[in-house]
């Protein structure tokens, strides 16, 4: 289910000649969703080359780190046999170390609730490879036994190695890797000389500059209660957006929906929020923050947001009430 409608940003034919920029678009299926890049540029070759550079970077990151991609670093350690050791390890280059340092910061910010070793609990609920099968609410015993396999402190980094200690079984990259890929794709496009572009996926967006007429990009925010409607429009200006919602991925048990953002402390889906939307200057951190904030108490989220420049947030509570930081304006 798409959180954002990419709308309100189309140039009319009369405006194309006025601003002397044509629109170029390309869409690919990556990270389990459609990822679309839109560029406004005078030079056709520059636009197409930048789009190719961006997708090459996204595909590189997908193949290198995605826990669902066979042959990636994380896939390898997840599927490695422990043999006689009580740990598994792989080589981790500088990029990987920087990536996981940001993940560690998210873990600490959320008091341990944001934990990328949550895979076993996700699978217990039915958020595995076959989400369509019949499900049931896990028992208290099964949840507690499964939680024993979840502990980010068992993931260590030493001398260029990523070490996974028993009983932790796996790392899931779903909560952060798409945002990282979008962020790095934006870097490639900016370096290539693009000044007006947009990268969008299900839950992670990056804007380069402004629209060709020098106005902000306008993004419709999907209403979690009525997915065919929007709650309003938010403007973006050379920044990024990350979002987490209770209506994107869910299972149904006895006609009740249970979403995939699970509270580690309880083992159950978070029940006080429906949507968390983050605006920041980096798509990678916006992606991490959106999940961290979904898992954190709302008062602690709002306190933290006001300590970071350029960081803004919108929260829809479970009762439909909307909270937002002061710099976010919801337009009709």
Protein backbone atom coordinates (compact mmCIF):
# COMPACT_ATOMS: atom_id res chain seq x y z
CA UNK A 1 0.00 0.00 0.00
CA UNK A 2 1.48 3.35 -1.03
CA UNK A 3 1.74 6.03 1.64
CA UNK A 4 2.31 8.92 -0.71
CA UNK A 5 0.62 10.03 -3.87
CA UNK A 6 3.17 11.66 -6.13
CA UNK A 7 0.94 14.51 -7.22
CA UNK A 8 0.48 18.21 -7.61
CA UNK A 9 3.83 18.51 -9.36
CA UNK A 10 3.12 18.21 -13.05
CA UNK A 11 4.18 21.02 -15.38
CA UNK A 12 1.64 21.98 -17.98
CA UNK A 13 2.78 21.97 -21.61
CA UNK A 14 2.87 25.75 -21.64
CA UNK A 15 5.23 25.78 -18.67
CA UNK A 16 7.71 23.31 -20.16
CA UNK A 17 8.88 25.78 -22.77
CA UNK A 18 8.80 28.60 -20.22
CA UNK A 19 11.26 26.87 -17.91
CA UNK A 20 13.07 25.09 -20.77
CA UNK A 21 13.12 21.77 -18.95
CA UNK A 22 11.63 18.50 -20.13
CA UNK A 23 10.44 15.76 -17.79
CA UNK A 24 12.18 12.37 -17.85
CA UNK A 25 10.94 9.40 -15.82
CA UNK A 26 11.93 5.81 -15.17
CA UNK A 27 10.46 3.20 -12.82
CA UNK A 28 11.91 -0.10 -11.58
CA UNK A 29 10.80 -2.81 -9.17
CA UNK A 30 13.35 -2.93 -6.33
CA UNK A 31 13.23 -3.66 -2.59
CA UNK A 32 9.85 -5.30 -3.09
CA UNK A 33 8.20 -2.14 -4.43
CA UNK A 34 8.18 0.21 -7.41
CA UNK A 35 10.79 2.94 -7.20
CA UNK A 36 10.34 5.90 -9.53
CA UNK A 37 12.77 8.65 -10.54
CA UNK A 38 11.58 11.87 -12.18
CA UNK A 39 14.02 14.44 -13.55
CA UNK A 40 13.42 17.89 -15.03
CA UNK A 41 16.35 18.88 -17.23
CA UNK A 42 17.21 20.74 -20.45
CA UNK A 43 19.86 18.20 -21.46
CA UNK A 44 18.26 14.85 -22.37
CA UNK A 45 21.56 12.94 -22.17
CA UNK A 46 22.36 14.40 -18.76
CA UNK A 47 18.94 13.45 -17.43
CA UNK A 48 19.04 9.88 -18.70
CA UNK A 49 22.63 9.37 -17.57
CA UNK A 50 21.81 10.63 -14.07
CA UNK A 51 18.79 8.33 -13.82
CA UNK A 52 20.94 5.37 -14.89
CA UNK A 53 23.62 6.30 -12.33
CA UNK A 54 20.97 6.47 -9.61
CA UNK A 55 19.47 3.07 -10.44
CA UNK A 56 22.93 1.51 -10.70
CA UNK A 57 23.65 2.75 -7.19
CA UNK A 58 20.34 1.46 -5.85
CA UNK A 59 20.92 -1.94 -7.43
CA UNK A 60 24.49 -2.04 -6.05
CA UNK A 61 23.22 -1.46 -2.51
CA UNK A 62 20.39 -3.97 -3.00
CA UNK A 63 22.81 -6.70 -4.09
CA UNK A 64 25.40 -5.85 -1.44
CA UNK A 65 23.28 -5.55 1.71
CA UNK A 66 19.64 -6.64 1.23
CA UNK A 67 18.88 -9.49 3.62
CA UNK A 68 16.36 -10.88 1.10
CA UNK A 69 18.84 -11.00 -1.82
CA UNK A 70 20.78 -14.23 -2.15
CA UNK A 71 24.51 -13.55 -2.16
CA UNK A 72 24.37 -10.26 -0.25
CA UNK A 73 26.55 -9.81 2.84
CA UNK A 74 23.56 -9.94 5.18
CA UNK A 75 22.01 -12.92 3.41
CA UNK A 76 25.30 -14.78 3.81
CA UNK A 77 25.61 -14.22 7.56
CA UNK A 78 21.91 -14.95 8.12
CA UNK A 79 22.26 -18.31 6.36
CA UNK A 80 25.68 -19.23 7.70
CA UNK A 81 25.90 -22.31 9.91
CA UNK A 82 27.28 -21.76 13.40
CA UNK A 83 29.23 -25.04 13.34
CA UNK A 84 31.01 -25.34 16.71
CA UNK A 85 31.26 -21.58 17.31
CA UNK A 86 28.71 -19.54 19.20
CA UNK A 87 28.99 -16.74 16.67
CA UNK A 88 29.02 -16.04 12.95
CA UNK A 89 31.08 -13.39 11.20
CA UNK A 90 31.63 -11.72 7.83
CA UNK A 91 33.99 -9.03 6.55
CA UNK A 92 32.47 -5.55 6.65
CA UNK A 93 33.99 -2.67 4.69
CA UNK A 94 33.93 1.02 5.65
CA UNK A 95 30.53 1.58 4.00
CA UNK A 96 29.01 -1.28 5.96
CA UNK A 97 30.51 -0.06 9.23
CA UNK A 98 29.10 3.45 8.72
CA UNK A 99 25.71 1.96 7.80
CA UNK A 100 25.46 -0.12 10.96
CA UNK A 101 26.74 2.70 13.15
CA UNK A 102 23.60 4.66 12.19
CA UNK A 103 21.49 1.59 12.98
CA UNK A 104 23.13 1.40 16.42
CA UNK A 105 22.21 5.05 17.01
CA UNK A 106 18.57 4.21 16.22
CA UNK A 107 18.66 1.28 18.64
CA UNK A 108 19.95 3.52 21.42
CA UNK A 109 17.55 6.37 20.62
CA UNK A 110 14.55 4.01 20.89
CA UNK A 111 15.82 2.42 24.13
CA UNK A 112 16.29 -0.84 22.26
CA UNK A 113 12.85 -1.05 20.63
CA UNK A 114 14.25 -0.44 17.14
CA UNK A 115 16.06 -3.72 16.65
CA UNK A 116 17.06 -5.13 13.27
CA UNK A 117 17.28 -8.68 14.69
CA UNK A 118 13.46 -8.83 14.96
CA UNK A 119 13.14 -11.33 12.10
CA UNK A 120 12.15 -14.36 14.22
CA UNK A 121 9.30 -12.44 15.86
CA UNK A 122 8.12 -11.15 12.48
CA UNK A 123 8.04 -14.72 11.19
CA UNK A 124 6.21 -15.96 14.28
CA UNK A 125 3.40 -13.53 13.49
CA UNK A 126 3.39 -14.56 9.82
CA UNK A 127 5.32 -11.72 8.21
CA UNK A 128 7.60 -14.06 6.35
CA UNK A 129 7.94 -15.12 2.74
CA UNK A 130 4.32 -16.31 2.57
CA UNK A 131 2.22 -13.61 4.22
CA UNK A 132 -0.97 -14.95 2.55
CA UNK A 133 -1.27 -18.13 4.62
CA UNK A 134 -3.62 -18.57 7.56
CA UNK A 135 -2.47 -16.94 10.78
CA UNK A 136 -3.16 -17.03 14.48
CA UNK A 137 -2.15 -14.84 17.41
CA UNK A 138 1.07 -16.25 18.88
CA UNK A 139 0.93 -17.56 22.42
CA UNK A 140 2.65 -15.75 25.27
CA UNK A 141 5.07 -18.68 25.58
CA UNK A 142 6.00 -18.61 21.90
CA UNK A 143 6.52 -14.85 21.97
CA UNK A 144 8.79 -15.03 25.02
CA UNK A 145 10.83 -17.91 23.57
CA UNK A 146 11.18 -16.09 20.27
CA UNK A 147 12.27 -12.85 21.97
CA UNK A 148 15.31 -14.73 23.27
CA UNK A 149 16.63 -14.66 19.69
CA UNK A 150 16.29 -10.88 19.41
CA UNK A 151 19.09 -8.70 20.76
CA UNK A 152 20.98 -6.09 18.76
CA UNK A 153 23.70 -6.01 21.44
CA UNK A 154 24.72 -9.43 20.10
CA UNK A 155 25.71 -7.75 16.81
CA UNK A 156 29.26 -6.49 17.14
CA UNK A 157 31.77 -4.78 14.85
CA UNK A 158 35.45 -5.43 15.35
CA UNK A 159 38.53 -5.22 13.11
CA UNK A 160 36.48 -4.99 9.92
CA UNK A 161 34.19 -7.84 10.93
CA UNK A 162 30.46 -8.02 11.57
CA UNK A 163 29.94 -10.58 14.34
CA UNK A 164 26.57 -12.13 15.16
CA UNK A 165 26.53 -13.94 18.50
CA UNK A 166 24.23 -16.77 19.58
CA UNK A 167 21.25 -16.91 20.08
CA UNK A 168 20.60 -14.10 17.54
CA UNK A 169 19.76 -15.68 14.18
CA UNK A 170 19.38 -12.95 11.60
CA UNK A 171 19.44 -9.32 10.56
CA UNK A 172 16.53 -7.76 8.67
CA UNK A 173 17.38 -4.76 6.48
CA UNK A 174 13.77 -3.86 5.61
CA UNK A 175 13.51 -0.89 7.99
CA UNK A 176 16.45 1.08 6.66
CA UNK A 177 18.09 -0.14 3.46
CA UNK A 178 15.63 1.42 1.00
CA UNK A 179 16.10 4.81 2.62
CA UNK A 180 19.86 4.40 2.41
CA UNK A 181 19.64 3.47 -1.27
CA UNK A 182 17.42 6.48 -2.03
CA UNK A 183 19.85 8.76 -0.19
CA UNK A 184 22.87 7.45 -2.11
CA UNK A 185 20.97 7.66 -5.41
CA UNK A 186 20.26 11.32 -4.72
CA UNK A 187 23.98 11.91 -4.11
CA UNK A 188 24.82 10.39 -7.48
CA UNK A 189 22.29 12.56 -9.29
CA UNK A 190 23.38 15.78 -7.59
CA UNK A 191 27.01 15.00 -8.38
CA UNK A 192 26.02 14.44 -12.02
CA UNK A 193 24.59 17.96 -12.15
CA UNK A 194 20.83 17.42 -11.65
CA UNK A 195 19.10 20.34 -9.89
CA UNK A 196 15.41 19.40 -10.10
CA UNK A 197 14.36 15.79 -9.50
CA UNK A 198 12.37 13.45 -7.34
CA UNK A 199 12.96 9.88 -6.14
CA UNK A 200 9.92 8.10 -4.68
CA UNK A 201 9.09 4.66 -3.32
CA UNK A 202 6.49 3.23 -0.96
CA UNK A 203 7.86 4.82 2.20
CA UNK A 204 10.97 6.78 1.29
CA UNK A 205 11.24 9.95 -0.81
CA UNK A 206 14.08 12.30 -1.72
CA UNK A 207 13.69 15.63 -3.49
CA UNK A 208 16.50 17.36 -5.38
CA UNK A 209 16.03 21.10 -5.40
CA UNK A 210 12.61 22.40 -6.34
CA UNK A 211 10.20 22.06 -9.24
CA UNK A 212 11.21 23.75 -12.50
CA UNK A 213 9.07 26.80 -11.65
CA UNK A 214 11.05 27.18 -8.37
CA UNK A 215 8.14 26.15 -6.14
CA UNK A 216 8.30 23.31 -3.58
CA UNK A 217 7.25 19.78 -4.44
CA UNK A 218 3.76 18.97 -3.17
CA UNK A 219 3.07 15.51 -1.77
CA UNK A 220 -0.34 14.10 -0.90
CA UNK A 221 -0.29 12.09 2.34
CA UNK A 222 -2.43 8.97 2.30
CA UNK A 223 -5.05 8.65 5.01
CA UNK A 224 -4.43 5.43 7.01
CA UNK A 225 -8.14 5.13 7.75
CA UNK A 226 -9.23 5.69 4.13
CA UNK A 227 -6.29 4.72 1.85
CA UNK A 228 -8.08 6.08 -1.23
CA UNK A 229 -8.10 9.53 0.37
CA UNK A 230 -5.42 11.95 1.57
CA UNK A 231 -5.26 13.82 4.86
CA UNK A 232 -3.61 16.77 3.15
CA UNK A 233 -0.59 17.95 1.21
CA UNK A 234 2.93 18.61 2.50
CA UNK A 235 5.59 20.59 0.68
CA UNK A 236 9.16 19.37 0.20
CA UNK A 237 12.16 21.52 -0.67
CA UNK A 238 15.44 19.70 -1.39
CA UNK A 239 14.89 17.35 1.55
CA UNK A 240 13.71 13.80 2.23
CA UNK A 241 10.72 12.03 3.71
CA UNK A 242 10.36 8.70 5.49
CA UNK A 243 7.14 7.13 6.73
CA UNK A 244 5.87 4.16 8.70
CA UNK A 245 2.22 3.15 8.87
CA UNK A 246 0.00 0.49 10.38
CA UNK A 247 -1.81 -0.07 7.08
CA UNK A 248 1.09 -0.88 4.74
CA UNK A 249 1.75 -4.50 5.71
CA UNK A 250 -0.65 -6.47 7.88
CA UNK A 251 -2.30 -9.82 8.45
CA UNK A 252 -5.89 -10.54 9.43
CA UNK A 253 -6.87 -12.83 12.30
CA UNK A 254 -10.57 -13.27 13.07
CA UNK A 255 -11.38 -10.22 10.94
CA UNK A 256 -8.95 -8.02 12.90
CA UNK A 257 -5.85 -6.47 11.35
CA UNK A 258 -2.41 -6.82 12.92
CA UNK A 259 0.34 -4.73 11.35
CA UNK A 260 4.03 -5.53 11.03
CA UNK A 261 5.62 -2.89 13.28
CA UNK A 262 6.09 -4.98 16.41
CA UNK A 263 7.00 -3.72 19.88
CA UNK A 264 9.92 -5.80 21.08
CA UNK A 265 9.00 -5.36 24.73
CA UNK A 266 5.48 -6.79 24.26
CA UNK A 267 5.85 -8.86 21.12
CA UNK A 268 2.66 -7.29 19.73
CA UNK A 269 2.04 -4.57 17.11
CA UNK A 270 2.36 -0.96 18.31
CA UNK A 271 -1.14 0.23 19.19
CA UNK A 272 -0.90 4.00 19.83
CA UNK A 273 -0.06 5.22 16.30
CA UNK A 274 -1.33 4.80 12.75
CA UNK A 275 1.21 6.88 10.83
CA UNK A 276 4.59 8.48 11.46
CA UNK A 277 5.97 10.76 8.79
CA UNK A 278 9.44 12.30 9.02
CA UNK A 279 10.97 15.17 7.06
CA UNK A 280 14.75 15.46 7.22
CA UNK A 281 17.71 16.35 5.05
CA UNK A 282 18.72 12.70 4.54
CA UNK A 283 16.49 9.86 3.29
CA UNK A 284 18.48 7.20 5.14
CA UNK A 285 18.00 8.80 8.54
CA UNK A 286 14.40 9.78 7.73
CA UNK A 287 13.71 6.07 7.11
CA UNK A 288 15.33 5.01 10.39
CA UNK A 289 13.65 7.79 12.36
CA UNK A 290 10.19 6.94 11.04
CA UNK A 291 10.45 3.41 12.44
CA UNK A 292 12.16 4.48 15.66
CA UNK A 293 9.50 7.12 16.31
CA UNK A 294 6.69 4.63 15.62
CA UNK A 295 8.13 2.45 18.38
CA UNK A 296 8.84 5.25 20.89
CA UNK A 297 6.46 7.01 23.33
CA UNK A 298 5.03 10.07 21.62
CA UNK A 299 6.24 12.53 24.26
CA UNK A 300 9.83 11.31 23.89
CA UNK A 301 9.56 11.61 20.10
CA UNK A 302 8.41 15.21 20.25
CA UNK A 303 11.13 16.10 22.78
CA UNK A 304 13.81 14.63 20.54
CA UNK A 305 12.55 16.24 17.33
CA UNK A 306 13.02 19.72 18.72
CA UNK A 307 16.69 19.02 19.46
CA UNK A 308 17.62 18.37 15.81
CA UNK A 309 17.76 21.05 13.12
CA UNK A 310 15.79 20.36 9.92
CA UNK A 311 13.95 17.44 11.53
CA UNK A 312 10.14 17.56 11.44
CA UNK A 313 7.45 15.02 12.15
CA UNK A 314 3.77 14.27 11.68
CA UNK A 315 2.08 11.60 13.81
CA UNK A 316 -1.43 10.24 13.45
CA UNK A 317 -2.45 8.62 16.72
CA UNK A 318 -4.63 5.53 16.84
CA UNK A 319 -7.67 7.71 17.61
CA UNK A 320 -7.09 9.77 14.45
CA UNK A 321 -5.63 12.82 16.21
CA UNK A 322 -2.76 14.42 14.29
CA UNK A 323 0.32 15.82 16.02
CA UNK A 324 3.07 17.68 14.16
CA UNK A 325 6.16 19.73 14.75
CA UNK A 326 5.91 23.46 14.15
CA UNK A 327 7.57 23.58 10.73
CA UNK A 328 5.19 21.15 9.02
CA UNK A 329 2.17 22.72 7.38
CA UNK A 330 -0.67 20.53 6.09
CA UNK A 331 -2.23 22.09 3.00
CA UNK A 332 -5.64 21.33 1.54
